[in-house]
Amino acid sequence: MICTTTRAMGDLALKSPEESERTADFTDTQSSCASKTRRNVRIELGDVTPHNIKVLKRLNQVVFPVTYNDKFYKDVLDSGELAKLAYYNDIVVGAACCRVDTTDNKRRLYIMTLGCLAPYRRQGVGKKLLDHILNIAEKDGHFDSIFLHVQVSNDDAINFYKYFGFEIVETKQDYYKYIQPTHAHVLEKKLR
């Protein structure tokens, strides 16, 4: 079954990039996997390692409309607890990657990516990832805020973050180069 990925393997079993229907097959199969009953659901977080970095890369290709370069993935490998894969009953379905930002004489946590395969949204995966990020910030105690960029048309993401206390603090015109709309909201949650 395409969706079967275990924590031990740390690999997504996808069709090769040459096969034109890889994304459709992947998400269709994921939908059938997501229909398991909630009572037996385990959502766990795992480290991003050199052994599963390709899984993160493939997940990001499916979830996000932008492409991340090799430096992004190299930096993720050095970020420790700031990068996590999300497992839904041992299947990789989401991830979050953050970094520390120290611009403007502030120490902030920047969410570079936080995403989940569409069939697994509203199943608690995004909440688990964001709770992990909020816990990191709380334990550290020295972050002024947590922030991220969200495409202005992504109402689901905007509402998700607003639910957790983030606010739109700025809109950056032409933030994205190769996707429409090109504008991004900056969402921020003040911590002190």
C-alpha atoms as a PDB file:
ATOM      1  CA  MET A   1       0.000   0.000   0.000  1.00  0.00           C
ATOM      2  CA  ILE A   2       1.451   3.377  -0.972  1.00  0.00           C
ATOM      3  CA  CYS A   3       0.710   5.066   2.346  1.00  0.00           C
ATOM      4  CA  THR A   4       2.557   2.597   4.514  1.00  0.00           C
ATOM      5  CA  THR A   5       5.620   4.224   6.034  1.00  0.00           C
ATOM      6  CA  THR A   6       7.033   3.184   9.354  1.00  0.00           C
ATOM      7  CA  ARG A   7       9.176   5.149  11.740  1.00  0.00           C
ATOM      8  CA  ALA A   8      11.904   2.550  11.379  1.00  0.00           C
ATOM      9  CA  MET A   9      11.983   2.885   7.593  1.00  0.00           C
ATOM     10  CA  GLY A  10      11.542   6.664   7.591  1.00  0.00           C
ATOM     11  CA  ASP A  11      10.710   6.505   3.900  1.00  0.00           C
ATOM     12  CA  LEU A  12       7.640   7.279   1.824  1.00  0.00           C
ATOM     13  CA  ALA A  13       6.763   4.654  -0.738  1.00  0.00           C
ATOM     14  CA  LEU A  14       5.837   6.889  -3.660  1.00  0.00           C
ATOM     15  CA  LYS A  15       5.830   6.350  -7.373  1.00  0.00           C
ATOM     16  CA  SER A  16       8.838   7.735  -9.198  1.00  0.00           C
ATOM     17  CA  PRO A  17       8.733  11.390 -10.319  1.00  0.00           C
ATOM     18  CA  GLU A  18       8.470  10.200 -13.926  1.00  0.00           C
ATOM     19  CA  GLU A  19       4.984   8.848 -13.320  1.00  0.00           C
ATOM     20  CA  SER A  20       2.559  11.681 -13.929  1.00  0.00           C
ATOM     21  CA  GLU A  21      -0.103  10.646 -11.430  1.00  0.00           C
ATOM     22  CA  ARG A  22       2.184  10.288  -8.393  1.00  0.00           C
ATOM     23  CA  THR A  23       0.634  13.086  -6.360  1.00  0.00           C
ATOM     24  CA  ALA A  24      -2.949  12.082  -7.095  1.00  0.00           C
ATOM     25  CA  ASP A  25      -2.259   8.450  -6.240  1.00  0.00           C
ATOM     26  CA  PHE A  26      -0.408   9.464  -3.089  1.00  0.00           C
ATOM     27  CA  THR A  27      -3.174  11.688  -1.752  1.00  0.00           C
ATOM     28  CA  ASP A  28      -5.965   9.324  -2.803  1.00  0.00           C
ATOM     29  CA  THR A  29      -4.309   6.470  -0.937  1.00  0.00           C
ATOM     30  CA  GLN A  30      -3.616   8.732   2.021  1.00  0.00           C
ATOM     31  CA  SER A  31      -7.339   9.544   2.145  1.00  0.00           C
ATOM     32  CA  SER A  32      -8.205   5.902   2.593  1.00  0.00           C
ATOM     33  CA  CYS A  33      -5.596   5.611   5.331  1.00  0.00           C
ATOM     34  CA  ALA A  34      -6.931   8.671   7.151  1.00  0.00           C
ATOM     35  CA  SER A  35     -10.383   7.148   7.453  1.00  0.00           C
ATOM     36  CA  LYS A  36      -9.327   4.972  10.409  1.00  0.00           C
ATOM     37  CA  THR A  37     -11.297   5.518  13.557  1.00  0.00           C
ATOM     38  CA  ARG A  38      -9.999   8.260  15.845  1.00  0.00           C
ATOM     39  CA  ARG A  39      -9.974   6.069  18.941  1.00  0.00           C
ATOM     40  CA  ASN A  40      -6.962   4.079  17.685  1.00  0.00           C
ATOM     41  CA  VAL A  41      -5.042   7.083  16.376  1.00  0.00           C
ATOM     42  CA  ARG A  42      -1.475   7.747  17.488  1.00  0.00           C
ATOM     43  CA  ILE A  43       0.059  11.062  16.504  1.00  0.00           C
ATOM     44  CA  GLU A  44       3.741  11.203  17.351  1.00  0.00           C
ATOM     45  CA  LEU A  45       6.645  13.459  16.454  1.00  0.00           C
ATOM     46  CA  GLY A  46      10.033  12.253  15.338  1.00  0.00           C
ATOM     47  CA  ASP A  47      13.399  13.786  14.557  1.00  0.00           C
ATOM     48  CA  VAL A  48      14.510  14.774  11.085  1.00  0.00           C
ATOM     49  CA  THR A  49      17.727  12.877  10.356  1.00  0.00           C
ATOM     50  CA  PRO A  50      19.984  12.257   7.356  1.00  0.00           C
ATOM     51  CA  HIS A  51      18.121   8.953   6.973  1.00  0.00           C
ATOM     52  CA  ASN A  52      14.689  10.554   6.530  1.00  0.00           C
ATOM     53  CA  ILE A  53      15.475  14.007   5.112  1.00  0.00           C
ATOM     54  CA  LYS A  54      14.245  12.849   1.696  1.00  0.00           C
ATOM     55  CA  VAL A  55      10.878  12.086   3.276  1.00  0.00           C
ATOM     56  CA  LEU A  56      10.677  15.688   4.510  1.00  0.00           C
ATOM     57  CA  LYS A  57      11.656  16.956   1.075  1.00  0.00           C
ATOM     58  CA  ARG A  58       8.997  14.855  -0.646  1.00  0.00           C
ATOM     59  CA  LEU A  59       6.368  15.858   1.908  1.00  0.00           C
ATOM     60  CA  ASN A  60       7.163  19.551   1.350  1.00  0.00           C
ATOM     61  CA  GLN A  61       6.866  19.070  -2.427  1.00  0.00           C
ATOM     62  CA  VAL A  62       3.355  17.692  -1.967  1.00  0.00           C
ATOM     63  CA  VAL A  63       2.139  20.105   0.731  1.00  0.00           C
ATOM     64  CA  PHE A  64       3.613  23.493  -0.244  1.00  0.00           C
ATOM     65  CA  PRO A  65       3.354  25.487  -3.494  1.00  0.00           C
ATOM     66  CA  VAL A  66       6.983  26.630  -3.194  1.00  0.00           C
ATOM     67  CA  THR A  67      10.224  24.707  -3.585  1.00  0.00           C
ATOM     68  CA  TYR A  68      12.890  24.703  -0.893  1.00  0.00           C
ATOM     69  CA  ASN A  69      16.556  24.556  -1.859  1.00  0.00           C
ATOM     70  CA  ASP A  70      19.251  22.184  -0.615  1.00  0.00           C
ATOM     71  CA  LYS A  71      20.516  24.757   1.917  1.00  0.00           C
ATOM     72  CA  PHE A  72      17.092  24.721   3.583  1.00  0.00           C
ATOM     73  CA  TYR A  73      17.344  20.959   4.139  1.00  0.00           C
ATOM     74  CA  LYS A  74      20.967  21.188   5.304  1.00  0.00           C
ATOM     75  CA  ASP A  75      19.948  23.823   7.865  1.00  0.00           C
ATOM     76  CA  VAL A  76      16.998  21.681   8.973  1.00  0.00           C
ATOM     77  CA  LEU A  77      19.382  18.820   9.780  1.00  0.00           C
ATOM     78  CA  ASP A  78      21.265  21.173  12.122  1.00  0.00           C
ATOM     79  CA  SER A  79      18.146  22.516  13.848  1.00  0.00           C
ATOM     80  CA  GLY A  80      17.544  19.710  16.366  1.00  0.00           C
ATOM     81  CA  GLU A  81      14.194  20.014  18.145  1.00  0.00           C
ATOM     82  CA  LEU A  82      13.159  22.832  15.820  1.00  0.00           C
ATOM     83  CA  ALA A  83      12.415  20.329  13.033  1.00  0.00           C
ATOM     84  CA  LYS A  84      10.014  17.433  13.457  1.00  0.00           C
ATOM     85  CA  LEU A  85       8.189  14.906  11.322  1.00  0.00           C
ATOM     86  CA  ALA A  86       4.616  14.049  12.316  1.00  0.00           C
ATOM     87  CA  TYR A  87       3.498  10.419  12.252  1.00  0.00           C
ATOM     88  CA  TYR A  88      -0.140   9.368  12.124  1.00  0.00           C
ATOM     89  CA  ASN A  89      -0.198   5.711  13.189  1.00  0.00           C
ATOM     90  CA  ASP A  90       3.427   5.388  12.009  1.00  0.00           C
ATOM     91  CA  ILE A  91       2.766   7.112   8.656  1.00  0.00           C
ATOM     92  CA  VAL A  92       4.639  10.344   7.903  1.00  0.00           C
ATOM     93  CA  VAL A  93       1.921  12.890   7.187  1.00  0.00           C
ATOM     94  CA  GLY A  94       3.303  16.246   8.331  1.00  0.00           C
ATOM     95  CA  ALA A  95       6.296  18.256   9.438  1.00  0.00           C
ATOM     96  CA  ALA A  96       7.391  21.509  10.996  1.00  0.00           C
ATOM     97  CA  CYS A  97      10.697  23.322  10.553  1.00  0.00           C
ATOM     98  CA  CYS A  98      11.679  26.410  12.518  1.00  0.00           C
ATOM     99  CA  ARG A  99      14.721  28.589  13.097  1.00  0.00           C
ATOM    100  CA  VAL A 100      15.756  31.261  15.565  1.00  0.00           C
ATOM    101  CA  ASP A 101      15.541  34.808  14.154  1.00  0.00           C
ATOM    102  CA  THR A 102      17.464  37.612  15.840  1.00  0.00           C
ATOM    103  CA  THR A 103      16.710  40.581  13.585  1.00  0.00           C
ATOM    104  CA  ASP A 104      15.567  43.980  14.895  1.00  0.00           C
ATOM    105  CA  ASN A 105      17.147  43.354  18.334  1.00  0.00           C
ATOM    106  CA  LYS A 106      14.528  40.712  19.049  1.00  0.00           C
ATOM    107  CA  ARG A 107      14.790  36.979  19.567  1.00  0.00           C
ATOM    108  CA  ARG A 108      11.949  35.323  17.724  1.00  0.00           C
ATOM    109  CA  LEU A 109      11.107  31.800  16.595  1.00  0.00           C
ATOM    110  CA  TYR A 110      10.356  31.678  12.873  1.00  0.00           C
ATOM    111  CA  ILE A 111       8.156  28.888  11.536  1.00  0.00           C
ATOM    112  CA  MET A 112       9.652  28.207   8.109  1.00  0.00           C
ATOM    113  CA  THR A 113       7.207  25.385   7.356  1.00  0.00           C
ATOM    114  CA  LEU A 114       4.390  23.655   9.170  1.00  0.00           C
ATOM    115  CA  GLY A 115       2.262  21.452   7.002  1.00  0.00           C
ATOM    116  CA  CYS A 116       0.229  18.296   6.800  1.00  0.00           C
ATOM    117  CA  LEU A 117      -1.066  16.181   3.937  1.00  0.00           C
ATOM    118  CA  ALA A 118      -4.596  17.335   3.070  1.00  0.00           C
ATOM    119  CA  PRO A 119      -6.425  14.116   4.083  1.00  0.00           C
ATOM    120  CA  TYR A 120      -4.912  14.362   7.584  1.00  0.00           C
ATOM    121  CA  ARG A 121      -5.869  17.959   8.260  1.00  0.00           C
ATOM    122  CA  ARG A 122      -8.288  18.483  11.139  1.00  0.00           C
ATOM    123  CA  GLN A 123      -7.037  15.247  12.699  1.00  0.00           C
ATOM    124  CA  GLY A 124      -4.794  16.888  15.319  1.00  0.00           C
ATOM    125  CA  VAL A 125      -1.515  16.669  13.386  1.00  0.00           C
ATOM    126  CA  GLY A 126      -1.028  20.425  12.919  1.00  0.00           C
ATOM    127  CA  LYS A 127      -1.988  21.045  16.545  1.00  0.00           C
ATOM    128  CA  LYS A 128       0.584  18.487  17.708  1.00  0.00           C
ATOM    129  CA  LEU A 129       3.300  20.190  15.638  1.00  0.00           C
ATOM    130  CA  LEU A 130       2.342  23.694  16.774  1.00  0.00           C
ATOM    131  CA  ASP A 131       2.092  22.585  20.420  1.00  0.00           C
ATOM    132  CA  HIS A 132       5.659  21.297  20.121  1.00  0.00           C
ATOM    133  CA  ILE A 133       6.811  24.688  18.807  1.00  0.00           C
ATOM    134  CA  LEU A 134       4.938  26.562  21.542  1.00  0.00           C
ATOM    135  CA  ASN A 135       6.483  24.276  24.182  1.00  0.00           C
ATOM    136  CA  ILE A 136       9.980  24.952  22.847  1.00  0.00           C
ATOM    137  CA  ALA A 137       9.371  28.691  23.076  1.00  0.00           C
ATOM    138  CA  GLU A 138       7.901  28.393  26.575  1.00  0.00           C
ATOM    139  CA  LYS A 139      10.750  26.215  27.921  1.00  0.00           C
ATOM    140  CA  ASP A 140      13.346  28.541  26.421  1.00  0.00           C
ATOM    141  CA  GLY A 141      11.690  31.593  27.978  1.00  0.00           C
ATOM    142  CA  HIS A 142      13.702  34.086  25.935  1.00  0.00           C
ATOM    143  CA  PHE A 143      11.666  34.388  22.739  1.00  0.00           C
ATOM    144  CA  ASP A 144       9.792  37.638  22.177  1.00  0.00           C
ATOM    145  CA  SER A 145       7.417  36.032  19.686  1.00  0.00           C
ATOM    146  CA  ILE A 146       6.775  33.302  17.136  1.00  0.00           C
ATOM    147  CA  PHE A 147       6.070  34.339  13.554  1.00  0.00           C
ATOM    148  CA  LEU A 148       5.585  33.023  10.032  1.00  0.00           C
ATOM    149  CA  HIS A 149       4.491  33.984   6.534  1.00  0.00           C
ATOM    150  CA  VAL A 150       1.228  32.717   5.061  1.00  0.00           C
ATOM    151  CA  GLN A 151      -0.017  33.293   1.531  1.00  0.00           C
ATOM    152  CA  VAL A 152      -2.904  35.803   1.734  1.00  0.00           C
ATOM    153  CA  SER A 153      -5.299  33.372   0.029  1.00  0.00           C
ATOM    154  CA  ASN A 154      -4.657  30.510   2.489  1.00  0.00           C
ATOM    155  CA  ASP A 155      -7.677  31.055   4.731  1.00  0.00           C
ATOM    156  CA  ASP A 156      -7.398  27.622   6.364  1.00  0.00           C
ATOM    157  CA  ALA A 157      -3.849  28.306   7.559  1.00  0.00           C
ATOM    158  CA  ILE A 158      -4.686  31.850   8.661  1.00  0.00           C
ATOM    159  CA  ASN A 159      -7.658  30.620  10.705  1.00  0.00           C
ATOM    160  CA  PHE A 160      -5.586  27.769  12.178  1.00  0.00           C
ATOM    161  CA  TYR A 161      -2.946  30.160  13.482  1.00  0.00           C
ATOM    162  CA  LYS A 162      -5.492  32.722  14.682  1.00  0.00           C
ATOM    163  CA  TYR A 163      -7.113  29.972  16.766  1.00  0.00           C
ATOM    164  CA  PHE A 164      -3.774  29.617  18.584  1.00  0.00           C
ATOM    165  CA  GLY A 165      -3.419  33.337  19.257  1.00  0.00           C
ATOM    166  CA  PHE A 166      -1.481  34.509  16.207  1.00  0.00           C
ATOM    167  CA  GLU A 167      -2.422  37.833  14.652  1.00  0.00           C
ATOM    168  CA  ILE A 168      -1.795  39.332  11.238  1.00  0.00           C
ATOM    169  CA  VAL A 169       0.758  42.061  11.907  1.00  0.00           C
ATOM    170  CA  GLU A 170       1.819  42.912   8.365  1.00  0.00           C
ATOM    171  CA  THR A 171       1.158  42.087   4.728  1.00  0.00           C
ATOM    172  CA  LYS A 172       4.215  41.800   2.482  1.00  0.00           C
ATOM    173  CA  GLN A 173       3.544  42.666  -1.129  1.00  0.00           C
ATOM    174  CA  ASP A 174       5.179  40.386  -3.724  1.00  0.00           C
ATOM    175  CA  TYR A 175       6.719  38.138  -1.065  1.00  0.00           C
ATOM    176  CA  TYR A 176       6.411  35.065  -3.307  1.00  0.00           C
ATOM    177  CA  LYS A 177       7.971  35.062  -6.766  1.00  0.00           C
ATOM    178  CA  TYR A 178       6.474  32.060  -8.524  1.00  0.00           C
ATOM    179  CA  ILE A 179       3.004  31.562  -7.050  1.00  0.00           C
ATOM    180  CA  GLN A 180      -0.204  33.548  -7.149  1.00  0.00           C
ATOM    181  CA  PRO A 181      -1.217  35.523  -5.228  1.00  0.00           C
ATOM    182  CA  THR A 182       2.281  36.775  -4.508  1.00  0.00           C
ATOM    183  CA  HIS A 183       1.432  38.529  -1.231  1.00  0.00           C
ATOM    184  CA  ALA A 184       1.957  37.064   2.230  1.00  0.00           C
ATOM    185  CA  HIS A 185       0.587  37.913   5.655  1.00  0.00           C
ATOM    186  CA  VAL A 186       3.015  37.917   8.550  1.00  0.00           C
ATOM    187  CA  LEU A 187       1.325  36.218  11.480  1.00  0.00           C
ATOM    188  CA  GLU A 188       2.818  36.612  14.937  1.00  0.00           C
ATOM    189  CA  LYS A 189       2.124  35.418  18.447  1.00  0.00           C
ATOM    190  CA  LYS A 190       3.640  37.667  21.072  1.00  0.00           C
ATOM    191  CA  LEU A 191       5.173  35.840  23.996  1.00  0.00           C
ATOM    192  CA  ARG A 192       6.264  38.790  26.127  1.00  0.00           C
END
